[in-house]
């Protein structure tokens, strides 16, 4: 059973000391896109006479797109994406799922907008240590996410309409090994449409063995917005 975490390595891969700059490293940087979803070495930019020619794909209603499928040991370093429809309904209806080490049950299964801090459906520029949307149109996640035998990231369009353009890239490194105590990234999302006076609302299952680093709590004080329901 996987140990679960919410920020294992903020400094494991992002905070290099000055001494590390002259040490030989065996890490292998990789970049997954629609041109090269398996992030094969030297296989990017091959569809337009060695120029970028496959920046986006549509996602039909009910369909899924695999953003990353790789075997080996590594660390996802950054996820960037943008969509042509940034309406509250679409951001709540795109389901982001992540699977580590061949697991059938996703470690992450959340609405895309909520994952990237757009819980109230309105996009705007922001930046913090873990997430950013520099111009209010694209989304970045900088949380390091380790895996030991493989990783798969999938987006599913649970809305009733086609998404015309989905842009993305996933940056990661293949490494020789991870520390024995390295934890896996998990994300838990839930919603209650009606809060009962005097009744506690569970934010995270108490049985989880984890290292918690963030809770995003987003109440609506009026009747719920008419987002397409995510279930």
Protein backbone atom coordinates (compact mmCIF):
# COMPACT_ATOMS: atom_id res chain seq x y z
CA UNK A 1 0.00 0.00 0.00
CA UNK A 2 1.32 3.42 -0.91
CA UNK A 3 2.21 5.97 1.74
CA UNK A 4 0.42 9.18 0.86
CA UNK A 5 1.63 12.73 0.87
CA UNK A 6 0.87 16.25 -0.10
CA UNK A 7 4.35 17.77 -0.27
CA UNK A 8 7.19 15.35 0.05
CA UNK A 9 10.02 17.06 -1.77
CA UNK A 10 9.65 20.76 -2.24
CA UNK A 11 13.42 20.99 -1.85
CA UNK A 12 14.43 17.48 -2.94
CA UNK A 13 14.67 18.44 -6.60
CA UNK A 14 14.16 22.18 -6.72
CA UNK A 15 16.70 23.50 -4.24
CA UNK A 16 20.18 22.68 -5.55
CA UNK A 17 23.16 23.88 -3.54
CA UNK A 18 26.04 25.71 -5.24
CA UNK A 19 28.20 22.60 -4.78
CA UNK A 20 25.74 20.51 -6.82
CA UNK A 21 26.33 22.69 -9.88
CA UNK A 22 29.74 21.14 -10.60
CA UNK A 23 28.80 17.55 -9.74
CA UNK A 24 28.02 15.17 -12.60
CA UNK A 25 24.37 14.16 -12.61
CA UNK A 26 22.78 11.11 -14.22
CA UNK A 27 19.22 12.47 -14.26
CA UNK A 28 17.53 12.40 -17.66
CA UNK A 29 15.21 15.37 -18.34
CA UNK A 30 12.11 14.54 -20.36
CA UNK A 31 9.21 16.56 -21.80
CA UNK A 32 5.83 15.03 -22.71
CA UNK A 33 3.50 16.79 -25.18
CA UNK A 34 0.90 15.77 -27.77
CA UNK A 35 3.80 15.47 -30.23
CA UNK A 36 5.65 13.15 -27.89
CA UNK A 37 3.30 11.77 -25.18
CA UNK A 38 5.73 9.04 -24.13
CA UNK A 39 8.52 11.64 -23.82
CA UNK A 40 10.92 9.60 -25.94
CA UNK A 41 14.42 11.03 -26.24
CA UNK A 42 14.87 13.17 -29.36
CA UNK A 43 11.27 12.63 -30.52
CA UNK A 44 9.87 16.13 -30.03
CA UNK A 45 9.13 18.54 -32.89
CA UNK A 46 8.95 15.81 -35.52
CA UNK A 47 5.57 16.58 -37.12
CA UNK A 48 6.28 19.81 -38.99
CA UNK A 49 9.70 19.47 -40.63
CA UNK A 50 11.46 19.56 -37.25
CA UNK A 51 9.35 22.50 -36.04
CA UNK A 52 6.55 22.53 -33.50
CA UNK A 53 3.39 21.45 -35.29
CA UNK A 54 1.09 19.72 -32.82
CA UNK A 55 0.47 22.16 -29.99
CA UNK A 56 -3.05 21.08 -29.01
CA UNK A 57 -5.74 18.43 -29.38
CA UNK A 58 -9.54 18.59 -29.00
CA UNK A 59 -11.19 16.44 -26.33
CA UNK A 60 -14.66 15.26 -27.25
CA UNK A 61 -17.45 15.06 -24.66
CA UNK A 62 -16.88 11.91 -22.60
CA UNK A 63 -13.43 11.28 -24.10
CA UNK A 64 -10.03 11.16 -22.38
CA UNK A 65 -6.54 12.32 -23.33
CA UNK A 66 -3.37 10.72 -21.96
CA UNK A 67 -0.87 13.44 -21.09
CA UNK A 68 1.90 11.19 -19.78
CA UNK A 69 2.57 7.45 -19.83
CA UNK A 70 6.08 6.47 -18.91
CA UNK A 71 7.87 3.55 -17.24
CA UNK A 72 10.86 3.86 -14.96
CA UNK A 73 11.82 5.85 -11.88
CA UNK A 74 11.47 9.59 -11.89
CA UNK A 75 9.97 12.83 -10.62
CA UNK A 76 7.36 14.97 -12.34
CA UNK A 77 8.73 18.50 -11.97
CA UNK A 78 6.17 20.73 -13.67
CA UNK A 79 2.77 20.51 -15.35
CA UNK A 80 1.67 23.30 -17.71
CA UNK A 81 -1.61 23.45 -19.59
CA UNK A 82 -4.16 25.77 -21.15
CA UNK A 83 -7.64 25.28 -22.60
CA UNK A 84 -9.73 27.20 -25.12
CA UNK A 85 -12.83 27.10 -22.89
CA UNK A 86 -12.13 28.49 -19.43
CA UNK A 87 -15.77 28.74 -18.38
CA UNK A 88 -16.62 27.63 -14.83
CA UNK A 89 -18.56 24.70 -16.28
CA UNK A 90 -15.63 23.37 -18.31
CA UNK A 91 -13.02 23.89 -15.59
CA UNK A 92 -15.18 21.88 -13.19
CA UNK A 93 -15.98 19.20 -15.79
CA UNK A 94 -12.42 18.37 -16.90
CA UNK A 95 -11.24 15.57 -14.60
CA UNK A 96 -7.49 15.32 -13.93
CA UNK A 97 -6.22 11.90 -12.80
CA UNK A 98 -2.73 10.67 -11.91
CA UNK A 99 -1.60 7.07 -11.41
CA UNK A 100 1.73 6.02 -9.89
CA UNK A 101 3.56 2.71 -10.33
CA UNK A 102 0.84 0.89 -12.26
CA UNK A 103 -1.89 1.41 -9.66
CA UNK A 104 -5.45 1.04 -10.96
CA UNK A 105 -6.88 3.54 -8.47
CA UNK A 106 -5.81 7.14 -9.17
CA UNK A 107 -3.76 8.95 -6.55
CA UNK A 108 -5.26 12.18 -7.92
CA UNK A 109 -8.82 12.51 -9.26
CA UNK A 110 -10.01 16.12 -9.15
CA UNK A 111 -11.64 18.80 -11.31
CA UNK A 112 -8.92 20.50 -13.32
CA UNK A 113 -9.89 24.02 -12.28
CA UNK A 114 -9.95 23.15 -8.58
CA UNK A 115 -6.55 21.45 -8.80
CA UNK A 116 -5.00 24.62 -10.25
CA UNK A 117 -6.62 26.86 -7.57
CA UNK A 118 -9.55 28.04 -9.73
CA UNK A 119 -12.21 26.78 -7.33
CA UNK A 120 -14.69 29.59 -7.85
CA UNK A 121 -14.62 29.41 -11.63
CA UNK A 122 -13.04 32.80 -12.34
CA UNK A 123 -9.51 32.77 -13.78
CA UNK A 124 -7.12 35.58 -12.93
CA UNK A 125 -3.34 36.05 -12.76
CA UNK A 126 -1.70 34.70 -9.58
CA UNK A 127 1.53 33.07 -8.47
CA UNK A 128 2.73 31.19 -5.40
CA UNK A 129 5.40 28.58 -4.62
CA UNK A 130 3.35 25.65 -5.94
CA UNK A 131 0.94 26.99 -8.58
CA UNK A 132 0.69 29.92 -10.96
CA UNK A 133 -1.36 31.44 -13.77
CA UNK A 134 0.87 34.31 -14.92
CA UNK A 135 -1.61 35.84 -17.38
CA UNK A 136 -4.83 34.21 -16.14
CA UNK A 137 -5.08 31.92 -19.16
CA UNK A 138 -2.67 29.04 -18.50
CA UNK A 139 -1.96 26.94 -15.42
CA UNK A 140 1.29 25.71 -13.85
CA UNK A 141 1.95 23.21 -11.07
CA UNK A 142 5.48 22.95 -9.62
CA UNK A 143 4.91 20.24 -7.00
CA UNK A 144 7.52 17.48 -7.39
CA UNK A 145 5.76 14.10 -7.77
CA UNK A 146 8.01 11.01 -7.51
CA UNK A 147 7.29 7.58 -8.99
CA UNK A 148 9.27 4.35 -8.80
CA UNK A 149 8.12 2.15 -11.70
CA UNK A 150 5.92 4.39 -13.85
CA UNK A 151 3.52 7.32 -14.13
CA UNK A 152 0.32 8.02 -16.07
CA UNK A 153 -1.61 11.31 -16.22
CA UNK A 154 -5.03 11.48 -17.89
CA UNK A 155 -7.61 14.25 -18.50
CA UNK A 156 -11.27 13.32 -19.13
CA UNK A 157 -13.94 15.66 -20.48
CA UNK A 158 -17.01 14.94 -18.32
CA UNK A 159 -18.96 17.83 -19.83
CA UNK A 160 -21.66 17.40 -22.51
CA UNK A 161 -19.71 19.39 -25.10
CA UNK A 162 -16.45 19.19 -27.06
CA UNK A 163 -13.37 21.08 -25.85
CA UNK A 164 -11.80 22.47 -29.03
CA UNK A 165 -8.24 23.05 -27.82
CA UNK A 166 -6.27 21.49 -24.96
CA UNK A 167 -2.58 22.51 -24.69
CA UNK A 168 -0.11 20.94 -22.28
CA UNK A 169 3.38 19.80 -21.44
CA UNK A 170 4.64 17.67 -18.54
CA UNK A 171 8.29 18.10 -17.52
CA UNK A 172 9.90 15.29 -15.55
CA UNK A 173 13.24 13.65 -14.83
CA UNK A 174 14.15 9.98 -14.98
CA UNK A 175 16.47 9.10 -12.10
CA UNK A 176 18.42 6.01 -11.04
CA UNK A 177 16.66 5.71 -7.68
CA UNK A 178 14.59 7.53 -5.07
CA UNK A 179 15.15 7.67 -1.31
CA UNK A 180 13.56 4.73 0.51
CA UNK A 181 11.29 7.08 2.44
CA UNK A 182 10.11 9.03 -0.63
CA UNK A 183 6.36 9.60 -0.46
CA UNK A 184 3.80 9.66 -3.28
CA UNK A 185 1.73 12.69 -4.16
CA UNK A 186 -2.01 12.30 -3.53
CA UNK A 187 -4.82 14.84 -3.86
CA UNK A 188 -8.27 14.52 -2.26
CA UNK A 189 -11.25 16.57 -3.48
CA UNK A 190 -14.78 16.66 -2.16
CA UNK A 191 -17.78 18.95 -2.10
CA UNK A 192 -20.94 19.38 -0.04
CA UNK A 193 -23.77 21.30 -1.67
CA UNK A 194 -25.48 22.09 1.64
CA UNK A 195 -23.74 22.73 4.95
CA UNK A 196 -25.75 21.73 8.00
CA UNK A 197 -25.60 24.03 11.00
CA UNK A 198 -23.61 22.44 13.82
CA UNK A 199 -22.44 19.46 11.71
CA UNK A 200 -18.72 19.03 11.08
CA UNK A 201 -17.54 18.69 7.49
CA UNK A 202 -14.78 16.12 6.92
CA UNK A 203 -11.92 17.66 4.93
CA UNK A 204 -9.56 14.68 4.81
CA UNK A 205 -10.08 11.00 5.77
CA UNK A 206 -8.54 10.50 9.20
CA UNK A 207 -7.15 7.07 8.24
CA UNK A 208 -4.62 8.50 5.77
CA UNK A 209 -0.93 8.17 6.66
CA UNK A 210 0.38 11.30 5.05
CA UNK A 211 2.29 14.53 5.14
CA UNK A 212 -0.20 17.33 4.60
CA UNK A 213 0.92 20.55 2.95
CA UNK A 214 -2.21 22.33 1.75
CA UNK A 215 -5.96 22.54 2.23
CA UNK A 216 -7.97 24.70 -0.15
CA UNK A 217 -11.35 25.52 1.38
CA UNK A 218 -13.76 27.41 -0.87
CA UNK A 219 -17.22 28.16 0.51
CA UNK A 220 -20.06 29.71 -1.51
CA UNK A 221 -22.33 31.88 0.59
CA UNK A 222 -25.14 32.01 -1.97
CA UNK A 223 -26.97 29.20 -3.73
CA UNK A 224 -24.53 26.91 -5.63
CA UNK A 225 -23.45 28.16 -9.06
CA UNK A 226 -24.82 26.28 -12.03
CA UNK A 227 -21.60 24.45 -12.91
CA UNK A 228 -22.00 21.21 -14.78
CA UNK A 229 -22.06 18.66 -11.93
CA UNK A 230 -18.83 16.78 -11.30
CA UNK A 231 -19.33 13.41 -9.64
